């Protein structure tokens, strides 16, 4: 059984704060979460967005009596299950979830609604709202199904009025909403509906925070980041002074004495894996988990295997799920593997051979590059292979473009001994040193310049049905968890999606609380896999 938690859903509330590492990045984001402002938190998979939201929610809950700020945590991960007949199904479902979780949070604090607030909320209770939510989330089994009691969901303006009344009556300073997995990344219409609600859900008594993915978030024409919210990025700069200390603390919080001794005896090996991860905790924990023995040859093999092959599997699977985008997705991988990485590696090696203390992790793309190229790069940022470092960067002849950072592990994996070469690269990284790809770069020639199409509902649903039939081994679950669900004859993703906590309790040594953790972990992984 793995020593590490890959997913926030696997962590109990009691363990959450114990595992929290308060680095500068985390402190800045938590501070933003505690503000009145609407906040968008952007980060790739495994960067720790959900974990940080739950930490902020827990801290705020613990201080409610003192600060009178009521936190409400809502995950929209199940949005991929919505396939009803209603054009605005996601909007209705969102409102039902917001109301249900608000009532639940108020009840936990012993706060009841006034007659006026109740009337504004159509006298809804948790059971009625849960019924509506469940109906929506089961429409994937029978698409275009009617939803009962849909008229019970109030208008957003009435919800805002009710919240203001509740806060005034109970001397609550404000209600802070944490929207995790804010909208399905490959259902643009859901994203537009979410950001429309996010923009309008404002009041002196309401504050909203939402987590999104880079590259693939569509804000819609009516939402403006600079005016409607502040953007925070879940980026850990591998060149920052405290980076290694923070990543080591993160590992030791989970790994304890066993990993403390391993790291102490093999500091350089740990540092190499930490740098290779590009600041992504999930990737670091996965590569550490693969270390059968923490020796140089073992770590070198893991870096080459993981960053040449495994890290690409998620990106490549996107092309299998969304056939209409396969050519762009596949081209992105070819461009990085056959053009960008070799060019970057050559730049580094040339300077090492000449004893020049310079190296790079960066490449530059002209702002005038074809839209197909930009779409391919957006999808690469979503899967975390690259990160958009900054925009408006001047290159040769004062041309303007975007600077991207390669995942360091993908560069290291090309060298014979990654652990040895790493020490020559990181201290000498130059931000101004990058490979340039102009508007008409010949590296773009092998991509068909067809019009970029949006992800469609039909494309998504066809992919969704295929994913349900795949074996559970395609999920990124621990061997222990896979073995446990096999004990009750769960073999494919669709079966695991439908399993109940009661069924999970039939597994030997699995009680009520553990069955819930297993269910949450499995569902989170299923929905993330289905989502892309």
Protein backbone atom coordinates (compact mmCIF):
# COMPACT_ATOMS: atom_id res chain seq x y z
CA UNK A 1 0.00 0.00 0.00
CA UNK A 2 1.36 3.45 -0.96
CA UNK A 3 2.86 5.58 1.80
CA UNK A 4 1.63 8.74 0.11
CA UNK A 5 -1.69 10.42 -0.61
CA UNK A 6 -1.96 11.23 -4.30
CA UNK A 7 -5.43 12.72 -4.04
CA UNK A 8 -7.04 15.10 -1.55
CA UNK A 9 -10.17 12.93 -1.54
CA UNK A 10 -8.13 10.20 0.22
CA UNK A 11 -7.28 12.48 3.16
CA UNK A 12 -9.53 12.64 6.20
CA UNK A 13 -10.50 16.02 7.62
CA UNK A 14 -8.48 15.27 10.76
CA UNK A 15 -5.34 14.62 8.70
CA UNK A 16 -5.72 17.61 6.38
CA UNK A 17 -4.15 20.36 8.51
CA UNK A 18 -1.48 17.96 9.75
CA UNK A 19 -0.22 17.51 6.16
CA UNK A 20 -0.37 21.20 5.25
CA UNK A 21 2.96 22.87 4.41
CA UNK A 22 2.74 26.64 4.78
CA UNK A 23 5.15 27.79 2.07
CA UNK A 24 5.09 31.32 0.62
CA UNK A 25 2.99 30.10 -2.33
CA UNK A 26 0.42 28.49 -0.05
CA UNK A 27 0.35 31.42 2.39
CA UNK A 28 -0.29 33.92 -0.41
CA UNK A 29 -3.17 31.87 -1.79
CA UNK A 30 -4.71 31.24 1.65
CA UNK A 31 -4.51 34.99 2.28
CA UNK A 32 -6.39 35.61 -0.99
CA UNK A 33 -8.99 33.02 0.01
CA UNK A 34 -9.55 34.91 3.26
CA UNK A 35 -10.21 38.17 1.42
CA UNK A 36 -13.58 39.53 0.28
CA UNK A 37 -12.51 39.39 -3.38
CA UNK A 38 -13.57 36.79 -5.92
CA UNK A 39 -10.53 34.58 -6.63
CA UNK A 40 -9.72 32.21 -9.51
CA UNK A 41 -7.04 29.65 -8.61
CA UNK A 42 -5.38 28.16 -11.69
CA UNK A 43 -3.20 25.07 -11.58
CA UNK A 44 -2.49 21.84 -13.46
CA UNK A 45 -3.54 18.40 -12.23
CA UNK A 46 -1.85 17.33 -9.03
CA UNK A 47 -0.61 20.83 -8.19
CA UNK A 48 -2.63 20.95 -4.95
CA UNK A 49 -5.62 23.19 -5.75
CA UNK A 50 -8.22 20.96 -4.07
CA UNK A 51 -5.98 20.36 -1.06
CA UNK A 52 -5.46 24.08 -0.51
CA UNK A 53 -9.17 24.83 -0.88
CA UNK A 54 -10.01 22.21 1.73
CA UNK A 55 -7.33 23.53 4.08
CA UNK A 56 -8.73 27.07 3.76
CA UNK A 57 -12.27 25.75 4.28
CA UNK A 58 -11.22 23.82 7.41
CA UNK A 59 -9.32 26.76 8.89
CA UNK A 60 -12.25 29.09 8.22
CA UNK A 61 -14.70 26.64 9.80
CA UNK A 62 -12.57 26.36 12.93
CA UNK A 63 -12.52 30.16 13.28
CA UNK A 64 -16.20 30.77 12.52
CA UNK A 65 -17.18 31.72 16.09
CA UNK A 66 -14.36 34.27 16.12
CA UNK A 67 -14.45 35.71 12.58
CA UNK A 68 -18.07 35.04 11.59
CA UNK A 69 -17.09 33.99 8.06
CA UNK A 70 -18.98 30.86 7.01
CA UNK A 71 -17.15 28.66 4.45
CA UNK A 72 -19.08 26.47 2.00
CA UNK A 73 -17.11 23.90 -0.03
CA UNK A 74 -18.68 22.63 -3.27
CA UNK A 75 -17.11 20.33 -5.84
CA UNK A 76 -18.43 20.33 -9.40
CA UNK A 77 -16.44 17.24 -10.37
CA UNK A 78 -19.66 15.31 -11.08
CA UNK A 79 -20.55 17.75 -13.88
CA UNK A 80 -19.36 15.19 -16.45
CA UNK A 81 -22.35 13.01 -15.47
CA UNK A 82 -24.93 15.58 -16.63
CA UNK A 83 -26.73 14.56 -19.84
CA UNK A 84 -30.31 15.80 -19.39
CA UNK A 85 -32.55 17.45 -21.99
CA UNK A 86 -32.14 20.95 -20.54
CA UNK A 87 -29.91 23.48 -22.28
CA UNK A 88 -29.10 25.12 -18.93
CA UNK A 89 -28.85 21.85 -16.98
CA UNK A 90 -25.50 22.80 -15.49
CA UNK A 91 -26.83 26.14 -14.22
CA UNK A 92 -29.82 24.50 -12.49
CA UNK A 93 -27.60 21.77 -11.05
CA UNK A 94 -25.09 24.37 -9.76
CA UNK A 95 -27.79 26.37 -8.00
CA UNK A 96 -29.21 23.22 -6.39
CA UNK A 97 -25.74 22.26 -5.13
CA UNK A 98 -25.04 25.78 -3.85
CA UNK A 99 -28.32 25.83 -1.93
CA UNK A 100 -27.89 22.34 -0.51
CA UNK A 101 -24.34 22.94 0.73
CA UNK A 102 -25.27 26.37 2.11
CA UNK A 103 -28.16 24.91 4.14
CA UNK A 104 -25.90 22.08 5.32
CA UNK A 105 -23.17 24.50 6.47
CA UNK A 106 -25.70 26.73 8.26
CA UNK A 107 -27.20 23.72 10.00
CA UNK A 108 -23.76 22.61 11.23
CA UNK A 109 -23.41 25.99 12.94
CA UNK A 110 -26.90 25.72 14.44
CA UNK A 111 -28.26 28.55 12.29
CA UNK A 112 -31.88 28.41 11.12
CA UNK A 113 -33.53 30.40 8.33
CA UNK A 114 -36.05 33.16 8.86
CA UNK A 115 -39.49 32.86 7.29
CA UNK A 116 -38.47 35.49 4.74
CA UNK A 117 -35.29 33.63 3.70
CA UNK A 118 -37.23 30.37 3.49
CA UNK A 119 -39.80 31.93 1.18
CA UNK A 120 -37.06 33.29 -1.10
CA UNK A 121 -35.53 29.82 -1.31
CA UNK A 122 -38.89 28.23 -2.18
CA UNK A 123 -38.92 26.48 1.24
CA UNK A 124 -36.38 23.99 -0.08
CA UNK A 125 -34.77 21.53 2.30
CA UNK A 126 -31.65 19.39 1.86
CA UNK A 127 -33.63 16.30 0.88
CA UNK A 128 -35.52 18.05 -1.95
CA UNK A 129 -32.33 19.59 -3.29
CA UNK A 130 -30.43 16.30 -2.99
CA UNK A 131 -33.18 14.61 -5.02
CA UNK A 132 -32.83 17.18 -7.83
CA UNK A 133 -29.03 16.90 -7.79
CA UNK A 134 -29.15 13.10 -7.88
CA UNK A 135 -31.61 13.11 -10.79
CA UNK A 136 -29.23 15.30 -12.81
CA UNK A 137 -26.20 13.15 -11.92
CA UNK A 138 -27.95 9.97 -13.06
CA UNK A 139 -28.89 11.29 -16.51
CA UNK A 140 -25.73 9.73 -17.96
CA UNK A 141 -27.51 6.37 -17.54
CA UNK A 142 -30.52 7.58 -19.53
CA UNK A 143 -29.78 10.81 -21.44
CA UNK A 144 -32.48 13.45 -22.02
CA UNK A 145 -34.39 12.39 -18.89
CA UNK A 146 -36.94 14.78 -17.35
CA UNK A 147 -36.02 16.27 -13.96
CA UNK A 148 -38.75 16.44 -11.32
CA UNK A 149 -39.23 19.53 -9.10
CA UNK A 150 -36.99 21.71 -11.28
CA UNK A 151 -39.34 24.62 -10.59
CA UNK A 152 -38.32 24.43 -6.93
CA UNK A 153 -34.93 25.98 -7.72
CA UNK A 154 -35.13 29.75 -7.05
CA UNK A 155 -33.68 32.56 -9.16
CA UNK A 156 -30.10 33.61 -8.38
CA UNK A 157 -31.28 37.07 -7.28
CA UNK A 158 -33.56 35.44 -4.68
CA UNK A 159 -30.67 33.28 -3.45
CA UNK A 160 -28.53 36.40 -2.98
CA UNK A 161 -31.36 38.20 -1.12
CA UNK A 162 -31.83 35.16 1.13
CA UNK A 163 -28.10 34.98 1.92
CA UNK A 164 -28.03 38.68 2.80
CA UNK A 165 -31.02 38.19 5.11
CA UNK A 166 -29.40 35.15 6.77
CA UNK A 167 -26.15 37.04 7.35
CA UNK A 168 -27.86 40.15 8.73
CA UNK A 169 -30.14 38.13 11.03
CA UNK A 170 -27.25 36.03 12.41
CA UNK A 171 -24.46 38.63 12.40
CA UNK A 172 -22.46 36.65 9.83
CA UNK A 173 -19.78 38.78 8.16
CA UNK A 174 -20.00 36.85 4.87
CA UNK A 175 -20.33 33.42 3.31
CA UNK A 176 -17.28 32.27 1.34
CA UNK A 177 -17.90 29.71 -1.40
CA UNK A 178 -15.12 27.36 -2.51
CA UNK A 179 -15.97 26.00 -5.97
CA UNK A 180 -13.63 23.09 -6.64
CA UNK A 181 -13.37 21.64 -10.16
CA UNK A 182 -15.34 24.72 -11.20
CA UNK A 183 -16.55 23.44 -14.58
CA UNK A 184 -15.82 20.55 -16.89
CA UNK A 185 -12.70 21.37 -18.87
CA UNK A 186 -13.95 19.94 -22.16
CA UNK A 187 -17.53 21.21 -21.97
CA UNK A 188 -17.14 24.92 -22.82
CA UNK A 189 -20.86 25.62 -22.39
CA UNK A 190 -20.64 24.49 -18.76
CA UNK A 191 -17.68 26.79 -18.25
CA UNK A 192 -19.55 29.77 -19.71
CA UNK A 193 -22.55 29.06 -17.48
CA UNK A 194 -20.34 28.77 -14.42
CA UNK A 195 -18.51 32.03 -15.01
CA UNK A 196 -21.77 33.81 -15.71
CA UNK A 197 -23.00 32.69 -12.28
CA UNK A 198 -19.62 33.40 -10.68
CA UNK A 199 -19.70 36.98 -12.00
CA UNK A 200 -23.29 37.62 -10.85
CA UNK A 201 -23.05 35.87 -7.48
CA UNK A 202 -21.87 39.00 -5.67
CA UNK A 203 -22.85 40.85 -2.54
CA UNK A 204 -21.09 42.39 0.49
CA UNK A 205 -22.08 39.11 2.16
CA UNK A 206 -20.78 36.75 -0.56
CA UNK A 207 -17.25 35.86 -1.61
CA UNK A 208 -16.42 33.22 -4.24
CA UNK A 209 -13.26 31.24 -4.93
CA UNK A 210 -12.93 28.80 -7.85
CA UNK A 211 -10.25 26.37 -9.01
CA UNK A 212 -9.63 25.92 -12.75
CA UNK A 213 -7.09 24.34 -15.10
CA UNK A 214 -4.64 26.30 -17.26
CA UNK A 215 -5.00 26.42 -21.01
CA UNK A 216 -8.49 24.96 -21.36
CA UNK A 217 -10.70 27.27 -19.29
CA UNK A 218 -13.25 29.23 -21.34
CA UNK A 219 -14.44 32.27 -19.41
CA UNK A 220 -16.99 33.38 -21.99
CA UNK A 221 -17.48 36.86 -23.46
CA UNK A 222 -19.22 38.35 -20.41
CA UNK A 223 -16.56 37.45 -17.82
CA UNK A 224 -13.38 39.52 -17.54
CA UNK A 225 -10.61 38.26 -15.27
CA UNK A 226 -9.21 41.69 -14.49
CA UNK A 227 -12.62 43.09 -13.49
CA UNK A 228 -14.65 40.14 -12.19
CA UNK A 229 -11.99 38.26 -10.20
CA UNK A 230 -8.32 38.13 -9.24
CA UNK A 231 -6.23 35.33 -10.74
CA UNK A 232 -3.85 33.32 -8.55
CA UNK A 233 -1.62 30.58 -9.94
CA UNK A 234 -0.72 27.35 -8.16
CA UNK A 235 2.85 27.50 -9.44
CA UNK A 236 5.89 26.49 -7.43
CA UNK A 237 9.01 28.09 -8.88
CA UNK A 238 11.73 25.42 -8.90
CA UNK A 239 14.35 28.20 -8.90
CA UNK A 240 12.97 29.81 -5.71
CA UNK A 241 15.27 29.85 -2.69
CA UNK A 242 12.98 27.76 -0.45
CA UNK A 243 11.72 25.39 -3.15
CA UNK A 244 13.63 22.27 -2.05
CA UNK A 245 12.88 22.87 1.63
CA UNK A 246 9.15 23.20 0.91
CA UNK A 247 9.02 20.06 -1.24
CA UNK A 248 10.98 18.09 1.35
CA UNK A 249 8.59 19.23 4.08
CA UNK A 250 5.64 18.12 1.94
CA UNK A 251 7.13 14.63 1.57
CA UNK A 252 8.14 14.30 5.23
CA UNK A 253 4.64 15.27 6.40
CA UNK A 254 3.44 12.09 4.69
CA UNK A 255 6.49 9.83 4.64
CA UNK A 256 7.61 10.37 8.23
CA UNK A 257 10.80 8.86 9.67
CA UNK A 258 11.26 6.35 6.83
CA UNK A 259 11.61 9.04 4.21
CA UNK A 260 13.41 11.41 6.55
CA UNK A 261 16.30 8.96 6.76
CA UNK A 262 16.25 8.19 3.03
CA UNK A 263 16.39 11.87 2.10
CA UNK A 264 19.06 12.63 4.68
CA UNK A 265 21.29 9.89 3.24
CA UNK A 266 20.56 10.75 -0.41
CA UNK A 267 19.90 14.49 -0.51
CA UNK A 268 21.13 14.98 -4.09
CA UNK A 269 18.87 12.21 -5.39
CA UNK A 270 15.83 13.70 -3.67
CA UNK A 271 16.68 17.17 -4.98
CA UNK A 272 16.87 15.82 -8.53
CA UNK A 273 13.41 14.24 -8.28
CA UNK A 274 12.00 17.41 -6.68
CA UNK A 275 13.38 19.60 -9.48
CA UNK A 276 12.22 17.09 -12.11
CA UNK A 277 8.61 17.30 -10.87
CA UNK A 278 8.43 20.98 -11.79
CA UNK A 279 6.76 21.76 -8.46
CA UNK A 280 3.93 19.25 -8.86
CA UNK A 281 3.44 17.35 -5.56
CA UNK A 282 1.55 14.44 -7.11
CA UNK A 283 4.30 13.80 -9.64
CA UNK A 284 7.01 14.00 -6.98
CA UNK A 285 5.16 11.54 -4.72
CA UNK A 286 4.57 9.14 -7.61
CA UNK A 287 8.22 9.07 -8.62
CA UNK A 288 9.34 8.64 -5.01
CA UNK A 289 6.87 5.78 -4.64
CA UNK A 290 8.55 4.02 -7.56
CA UNK A 291 11.94 4.07 -5.83
CA UNK A 292 12.40 0.45 -4.80
CA UNK A 293 15.80 1.39 -3.44
CA UNK A 294 16.85 5.01 -3.22
CA UNK A 295 20.06 4.62 -5.21
CA UNK A 296 21.48 6.63 -8.10
CA UNK A 297 20.93 3.96 -10.77
CA UNK A 298 17.35 3.39 -9.59
CA UNK A 299 16.51 7.12 -9.62
CA UNK A 300 18.08 7.56 -13.07
CA UNK A 301 15.95 4.70 -14.42
CA UNK A 302 12.78 6.13 -12.86
CA UNK A 303 13.37 9.61 -14.32
CA UNK A 304 13.93 8.19 -17.80
CA UNK A 305 10.94 5.86 -17.61
CA UNK A 306 8.51 8.34 -16.05
CA UNK A 307 9.38 11.48 -18.02
CA UNK A 308 9.87 9.76 -21.38
CA UNK A 309 6.73 7.64 -21.20
CA UNK A 310 4.39 7.75 -18.20
CA UNK A 311 3.96 11.52 -18.00
CA UNK A 312 2.84 11.50 -21.64
CA UNK A 313 0.14 8.85 -21.22
CA UNK A 314 -2.50 11.30 -19.99
CA UNK A 315 -1.81 13.68 -22.87
CA UNK A 316 -1.92 10.93 -25.49
CA UNK A 317 -5.16 9.52 -24.03
CA UNK A 318 -6.80 12.90 -24.65
CA UNK A 319 -6.45 12.23 -28.37
CA UNK A 320 -8.10 8.83 -27.96
CA UNK A 321 -11.01 10.34 -26.02
CA UNK A 322 -11.59 13.36 -28.25
CA UNK A 323 -11.09 12.16 -31.81
CA UNK A 324 -11.87 15.56 -33.30
CA UNK A 325 -8.77 16.98 -31.60
CA UNK A 326 -6.46 13.99 -32.03
CA UNK A 327 -4.28 15.56 -34.73
CA UNK A 328 -3.62 18.69 -32.64
CA UNK A 329 -3.00 16.68 -29.45
CA UNK A 330 -0.61 14.26 -31.19
CA UNK A 331 1.19 17.10 -32.96
CA UNK A 332 1.79 18.82 -29.61
CA UNK A 333 3.61 15.76 -28.31
CA UNK A 334 5.67 15.41 -31.49
CA UNK A 335 6.58 19.11 -31.40
CA UNK A 336 7.81 18.93 -27.80
CA UNK A 337 9.56 15.55 -28.09
CA UNK A 338 11.15 15.99 -31.52
CA UNK A 339 11.77 19.75 -31.67
CA UNK A 340 11.70 21.57 -28.34
CA UNK A 341 13.34 19.02 -26.02
CA UNK A 342 16.23 18.14 -28.39
CA UNK A 343 16.90 21.84 -29.05
CA UNK A 344 16.88 22.58 -25.32
CA UNK A 345 19.09 19.60 -24.54
CA UNK A 346 21.57 20.67 -27.22
CA UNK A 347 21.74 24.22 -25.85
CA UNK A 348 22.49 22.84 -22.39
CA UNK A 349 25.07 20.29 -23.59
CA UNK A 350 26.91 22.83 -25.78
CA UNK A 351 27.41 25.14 -22.80
CA UNK A 352 28.48 22.31 -20.50
CA UNK A 353 31.07 21.22 -23.08
CA UNK A 354 32.39 24.79 -23.30
CA UNK A 355 32.30 25.32 -19.50
CA UNK A 356 29.81 28.17 -19.90
CA UNK A 357 27.60 28.58 -16.83
CA UNK A 358 24.31 28.94 -18.69
CA UNK A 359 21.32 26.64 -19.14
CA UNK A 360 17.64 26.88 -20.00
CA UNK A 361 14.21 25.33 -19.47
CA UNK A 362 12.41 27.71 -21.83
CA UNK A 363 11.14 28.13 -25.37
CA UNK A 364 9.33 31.00 -27.07
CA UNK A 365 6.36 31.05 -29.46
CA UNK A 366 5.45 34.07 -31.58
CA UNK A 367 2.12 35.70 -30.73
CA UNK A 368 1.44 35.54 -34.49
CA UNK A 369 1.78 31.74 -34.60
CA UNK A 370 -1.21 29.92 -36.16
CA UNK A 371 -4.17 29.31 -33.85
CA UNK A 372 -3.71 25.54 -34.24
CA UNK A 373 -0.26 25.85 -32.63
CA UNK A 374 -1.65 27.85 -29.73
CA UNK A 375 -4.41 25.26 -29.19
CA UNK A 376 -1.82 22.45 -29.10
CA UNK A 377 0.18 24.40 -26.51
CA UNK A 378 -2.93 25.10 -24.41
CA UNK A 379 -3.60 21.36 -24.19
CA UNK A 380 0.03 20.75 -23.20
CA UNK A 381 -0.29 23.25 -20.33
CA UNK A 382 -3.46 21.47 -19.19
CA UNK A 383 -1.68 18.13 -18.89
CA UNK A 384 1.29 19.84 -17.23
CA UNK A 385 4.01 19.00 -19.77
CA UNK A 386 4.72 22.70 -20.19
CA UNK A 387 3.84 25.86 -18.27
CA UNK A 388 3.18 29.28 -19.73
CA UNK A 389 5.75 31.39 -17.91
CA UNK A 390 4.84 34.85 -19.21
CA UNK A 391 3.49 36.80 -22.18
CA UNK A 392 4.64 39.82 -24.15
CA UNK A 393 8.25 38.61 -24.21
CA UNK A 394 10.62 40.16 -26.75
CA UNK A 395 12.73 37.81 -28.85
CA UNK A 396 15.04 38.35 -31.83
CA UNK A 397 14.27 41.48 -33.86
CA UNK A 398 11.96 42.64 -31.05
CA UNK A 399 9.28 40.13 -32.01
CA UNK A 400 6.67 39.59 -29.27
CA UNK A 401 5.49 36.20 -28.03
CA UNK A 402 4.90 33.86 -25.09
CA UNK A 403 7.62 32.16 -23.05
CA UNK A 404 6.96 28.58 -21.93
CA UNK A 405 8.76 26.41 -19.38
CA UNK A 406 9.34 22.72 -20.05
CA UNK A 407 8.81 20.21 -17.27
CA UNK A 408 12.40 19.81 -16.07
CA UNK A 409 12.06 16.03 -15.79
CA UNK A 410 11.32 15.83 -19.53
CA UNK A 411 14.67 17.52 -20.22
CA UNK A 412 16.61 15.48 -17.65
CA UNK A 413 15.24 12.20 -19.03
CA UNK A 414 17.14 12.75 -22.29
CA UNK A 415 20.54 12.60 -20.58
CA UNK A 416 22.34 9.34 -19.78
CA UNK A 417 22.71 10.14 -16.06
CA UNK A 418 19.98 12.64 -15.05
CA UNK A 419 21.08 12.80 -11.41
CA UNK A 420 24.60 13.89 -12.40
CA UNK A 421 23.60 16.47 -15.02
CA UNK A 422 20.87 18.09 -12.87
CA UNK A 423 23.43 19.85 -10.67
CA UNK A 424 24.95 21.50 -13.75
CA UNK A 425 21.63 22.81 -15.06
CA UNK A 426 19.51 24.26 -12.24
CA UNK A 427 22.04 26.75 -10.76
CA UNK A 428 22.73 28.17 -14.23
CA UNK A 429 19.22 28.60 -15.65
CA UNK A 430 18.87 31.89 -17.55
CA UNK A 431 15.36 33.27 -18.07
CA UNK A 432 16.54 35.22 -21.14
CA UNK A 433 17.84 32.08 -22.85
CA UNK A 434 15.25 30.22 -24.94
CA UNK A 435 14.68 28.55 -28.30
CA UNK A 436 12.53 30.67 -30.61
CA UNK A 437 9.70 29.48 -32.85
CA UNK A 438 8.49 32.31 -35.06
CA UNK A 439 5.22 32.74 -36.92
CA UNK A 440 6.37 30.71 -39.92
CA UNK A 441 8.69 28.26 -38.17
CA UNK A 442 9.33 25.15 -40.28
CA UNK A 443 8.66 23.11 -37.13
CA UNK A 444 4.97 23.94 -37.67
CA UNK A 445 4.86 22.53 -41.19
CA UNK A 446 3.71 19.02 -40.27
CA UNK A 447 0.51 20.19 -38.54
CA UNK A 448 -2.58 20.35 -40.73
CA UNK A 449 -3.88 23.90 -40.47
CA UNK A 450 -7.55 23.00 -40.29
CA UNK A 451 -9.90 25.29 -38.41
CA UNK A 452 -9.74 24.76 -34.64
CA UNK A 453 -13.06 23.30 -33.53
CA UNK A 454 -14.61 23.58 -30.09
CA UNK A 455 -15.16 20.50 -27.97
CA UNK A 456 -18.79 19.48 -28.57
CA UNK A 457 -21.36 17.81 -26.31
CA UNK A 458 -21.68 14.95 -28.82
CA UNK A 459 -17.91 14.40 -28.87
CA UNK A 460 -17.82 14.45 -25.08
CA UNK A 461 -20.74 12.02 -24.62
CA UNK A 462 -19.35 9.53 -27.15
CA UNK A 463 -16.03 9.59 -25.28
CA UNK A 464 -17.85 9.28 -21.94
CA UNK A 465 -19.62 6.06 -22.99
CA UNK A 466 -16.35 4.49 -24.15
CA UNK A 467 -14.60 5.36 -20.86
CA UNK A 468 -17.28 3.61 -18.78
CA UNK A 469 -16.45 0.28 -20.44
CA UNK A 470 -12.72 0.42 -19.76
CA UNK A 471 -11.17 -1.81 -17.05
CA UNK A 472 -10.52 -0.20 -13.67
CA UNK A 473 -6.79 -0.84 -14.18
CA UNK A 474 -6.78 2.17 -16.52
CA UNK A 475 -7.42 4.38 -13.48
CA UNK A 476 -4.56 5.82 -11.46
CA UNK A 477 -5.49 3.93 -8.28
CA UNK A 478 -3.18 2.15 -5.85
CA UNK A 479 -2.69 -1.60 -6.21
CA UNK A 480 -4.25 -2.02 -2.77
CA UNK A 481 -7.42 -0.16 -3.77
CA UNK A 482 -7.69 -2.00 -7.10
CA UNK A 483 -7.38 -5.31 -5.27
CA UNK A 484 -10.08 -4.36 -2.77
CA UNK A 485 -12.71 -3.41 -5.36
CA UNK A 486 -11.96 -6.58 -7.34
CA UNK A 487 -13.01 -8.50 -4.19
CA UNK A 488 -16.62 -7.43 -4.84
CA UNK A 489 -16.40 -8.17 -8.59
CA UNK A 490 -15.98 -4.58 -9.78
CA UNK A 491 -14.11 -4.79 -13.08
CA UNK A 492 -14.85 -1.74 -15.24
CA UNK A 493 -15.15 2.01 -14.68
CA UNK A 494 -18.94 2.06 -15.09
CA UNK A 495 -19.36 -0.58 -12.35
CA UNK A 496 -17.07 1.33 -10.00
CA UNK A 497 -18.95 4.57 -10.68
CA UNK A 498 -22.21 2.93 -9.59
CA UNK A 499 -20.93 1.07 -6.51
CA UNK A 500 -22.38 2.20 -3.18
CA UNK A 501 -20.59 2.73 0.13
CA UNK A 502 -22.75 -0.10 1.48
CA UNK A 503 -21.31 -2.46 -1.16
CA UNK A 504 -17.77 -1.32 -0.30
CA UNK A 505 -18.38 -2.21 3.35
CA UNK A 506 -18.72 -5.86 2.26
CA UNK A 507 -14.96 -5.84 1.67
CA UNK A 508 -13.00 -7.37 4.53
CA UNK A 509 -11.65 -4.83 7.06
CA UNK A 510 -13.49 -1.90 5.41
CA UNK A 511 -15.71 0.07 7.80
CA UNK A 512 -18.04 3.03 7.33
CA UNK A 513 -15.48 5.86 7.31
CA UNK A 514 -12.98 3.96 5.17
CA UNK A 515 -15.66 2.99 2.65
CA UNK A 516 -16.47 6.69 2.22
CA UNK A 517 -12.80 7.54 1.66
CA UNK A 518 -12.46 4.72 -0.89
CA UNK A 519 -15.64 5.83 -2.67
CA UNK A 520 -14.52 9.48 -2.77
CA UNK A 521 -11.04 8.57 -4.03
CA UNK A 522 -12.36 6.22 -6.70
CA UNK A 523 -15.06 8.62 -7.90
CA UNK A 524 -12.59 11.52 -8.05
CA UNK A 525 -10.17 9.47 -10.15
CA UNK A 526 -12.98 8.16 -12.40
CA UNK A 527 -14.39 11.62 -13.07
CA UNK A 528 -10.94 13.10 -13.64
CA UNK A 529 -10.16 10.29 -16.09
CA UNK A 530 -13.49 10.71 -17.89
CA UNK A 531 -13.02 14.48 -17.99
CA UNK A 532 -9.76 14.12 -19.84
